[in-house]
Amino acid sequence: MKYEGEDSIVEMKSFRQCSLCEKYHRVGEEVDVYDCCDYEDKDWMVNWVKRLQKKIKEPKSVSDFVKWSRNVFNTSITH
């Protein structure tokens, strides 16, 4: 098997197949996960930003712990 962009045949043990993009990368080669995401879905970052903006707009709920701690704090001040 030839490595993409190489003229000579190389041993497969010097390459590994990426589980995200299924391309072969050299062993030890630094491959950024975002490069593989771009290969899978060209608009992934745009979609991620849209989801992030939607999440920011949602009102934050108060957890039970926060409610409890406020109650304890308010009770201790009044007594």
C-alpha atoms as a PDB file:
ATOM      1  CA  MET A   1       0.000   0.000   0.000  1.00  0.00           C
ATOM      2  CA  LYS A   2       1.280   3.439  -0.853  1.00  0.00           C
ATOM      3  CA  TYR A   3       0.998   6.284   1.597  1.00  0.00           C
ATOM      4  CA  GLU A   4      -0.903   9.238   0.135  1.00  0.00           C
ATOM      5  CA  GLY A   5       1.588  11.641  -1.432  1.00  0.00           C
ATOM      6  CA  GLU A   6       4.525   9.195  -1.348  1.00  0.00           C
ATOM      7  CA  ASP A   7       6.142   7.613  -4.397  1.00  0.00           C
ATOM      8  CA  SER A   8       7.654   4.599  -2.701  1.00  0.00           C
ATOM      9  CA  ILE A   9       5.940   1.683  -1.061  1.00  0.00           C
ATOM     10  CA  VAL A  10       6.370   1.795   2.712  1.00  0.00           C
ATOM     11  CA  GLU A  11       5.811  -0.746   5.441  1.00  0.00           C
ATOM     12  CA  MET A  12       2.360  -0.643   7.038  1.00  0.00           C
ATOM     13  CA  LYS A  13       3.842  -0.877  10.528  1.00  0.00           C
ATOM     14  CA  SER A  14       5.179   2.676  10.147  1.00  0.00           C
ATOM     15  CA  PHE A  15       1.618   3.981   9.715  1.00  0.00           C
ATOM     16  CA  ARG A  16      -1.545   3.828  11.748  1.00  0.00           C
ATOM     17  CA  GLN A  17      -5.106   4.297  10.612  1.00  0.00           C
ATOM     18  CA  CYS A  18      -6.976   7.135  12.285  1.00  0.00           C
ATOM     19  CA  SER A  19     -10.235   6.084  13.908  1.00  0.00           C
ATOM     20  CA  LEU A  20     -11.877   9.422  13.026  1.00  0.00           C
ATOM     21  CA  CYS A  21     -10.946  10.127   9.427  1.00  0.00           C
ATOM     22  CA  GLU A  22      -9.745   6.604   8.530  1.00  0.00           C
ATOM     23  CA  LYS A  23      -6.690   8.084   6.776  1.00  0.00           C
ATOM     24  CA  TYR A  24      -3.241   6.665   7.452  1.00  0.00           C
ATOM     25  CA  HIS A  25      -0.831   8.818   9.434  1.00  0.00           C
ATOM     26  CA  ARG A  26       2.813   8.176  10.205  1.00  0.00           C
ATOM     27  CA  VAL A  27       3.439   6.717  13.635  1.00  0.00           C
ATOM     28  CA  GLY A  28       4.687   9.562  15.834  1.00  0.00           C
ATOM     29  CA  GLU A  29       3.277  12.208  13.497  1.00  0.00           C
ATOM     30  CA  GLU A  30       1.339  14.811  15.421  1.00  0.00           C
ATOM     31  CA  VAL A  31      -2.183  14.837  14.061  1.00  0.00           C
ATOM     32  CA  ASP A  32      -4.641  17.295  15.507  1.00  0.00           C
ATOM     33  CA  VAL A  33      -8.114  15.925  16.197  1.00  0.00           C
ATOM     34  CA  TYR A  34      -9.557  19.072  14.610  1.00  0.00           C
ATOM     35  CA  ASP A  35      -7.903  18.190  11.285  1.00  0.00           C
ATOM     36  CA  CYS A  36      -9.714  14.854  11.354  1.00  0.00           C
ATOM     37  CA  CYS A  37     -12.998  16.559  12.266  1.00  0.00           C
ATOM     38  CA  ASP A  38     -12.577  18.840   9.253  1.00  0.00           C
ATOM     39  CA  TYR A  39     -12.118  15.768   7.080  1.00  0.00           C
ATOM     40  CA  GLU A  40     -15.297  14.176   8.485  1.00  0.00           C
ATOM     41  CA  ASP A  41     -17.531  17.269   8.466  1.00  0.00           C
ATOM     42  CA  LYS A  42     -16.429  20.542   6.874  1.00  0.00           C
ATOM     43  CA  ASP A  43     -18.956  22.588   8.882  1.00  0.00           C
ATOM     44  CA  TRP A  44     -18.308  21.051  12.307  1.00  0.00           C
ATOM     45  CA  MET A  45     -16.815  24.219  13.799  1.00  0.00           C
ATOM     46  CA  VAL A  46     -19.683  26.407  12.559  1.00  0.00           C
ATOM     47  CA  ASN A  47     -22.183  23.933  14.035  1.00  0.00           C
ATOM     48  CA  TRP A  48     -20.211  23.805  17.295  1.00  0.00           C
ATOM     49  CA  VAL A  49     -20.299  27.621  17.618  1.00  0.00           C
ATOM     50  CA  LYS A  50     -24.060  27.648  16.937  1.00  0.00           C
ATOM     51  CA  ARG A  51     -24.622  25.018  19.651  1.00  0.00           C
ATOM     52  CA  LEU A  52     -22.405  26.980  22.047  1.00  0.00           C
ATOM     53  CA  GLN A  53     -24.302  30.217  21.410  1.00  0.00           C
ATOM     54  CA  LYS A  54     -27.614  28.429  21.932  1.00  0.00           C
ATOM     55  CA  LYS A  55     -26.349  27.000  25.222  1.00  0.00           C
ATOM     56  CA  ILE A  56     -25.170  30.421  26.415  1.00  0.00           C
ATOM     57  CA  LYS A  57     -28.618  31.914  25.761  1.00  0.00           C
ATOM     58  CA  GLU A  58     -30.381  29.286  27.882  1.00  0.00           C
ATOM     59  CA  PRO A  59     -31.078  30.426  31.440  1.00  0.00           C
ATOM     60  CA  LYS A  60     -28.934  28.693  33.995  1.00  0.00           C
ATOM     61  CA  SER A  61     -30.776  26.667  36.574  1.00  0.00           C
ATOM     62  CA  VAL A  62     -29.890  26.829  40.245  1.00  0.00           C
ATOM     63  CA  SER A  63     -28.721  23.511  41.623  1.00  0.00           C
ATOM     64  CA  ASP A  64     -30.158  21.921  44.764  1.00  0.00           C
ATOM     65  CA  PHE A  65     -26.828  22.402  46.505  1.00  0.00           C
ATOM     66  CA  VAL A  66     -26.876  26.140  45.829  1.00  0.00           C
ATOM     67  CA  LYS A  67     -30.450  26.365  47.131  1.00  0.00           C
ATOM     68  CA  TRP A  68     -29.457  24.417  50.251  1.00  0.00           C
ATOM     69  CA  SER A  69     -26.320  26.482  50.907  1.00  0.00           C
ATOM     70  CA  ARG A  70     -28.229  29.750  50.501  1.00  0.00           C
ATOM     71  CA  ASN A  71     -30.845  28.491  52.939  1.00  0.00           C
ATOM     72  CA  VAL A  72     -28.170  27.496  55.467  1.00  0.00           C
ATOM     73  CA  PHE A  73     -26.373  30.806  55.051  1.00  0.00           C
ATOM     74  CA  ASN A  74     -29.564  32.849  55.408  1.00  0.00           C
ATOM     75  CA  THR A  75     -30.681  30.809  58.425  1.00  0.00           C
ATOM     76  CA  SER A  76     -27.338  31.214  60.187  1.00  0.00           C
ATOM     77  CA  ILE A  77     -27.347  34.993  59.720  1.00  0.00           C
ATOM     78  CA  THR A  78     -30.851  35.465  61.100  1.00  0.00           C
ATOM     79  CA  HIS A  79     -30.155  33.387  64.261  1.00  0.00           C
END
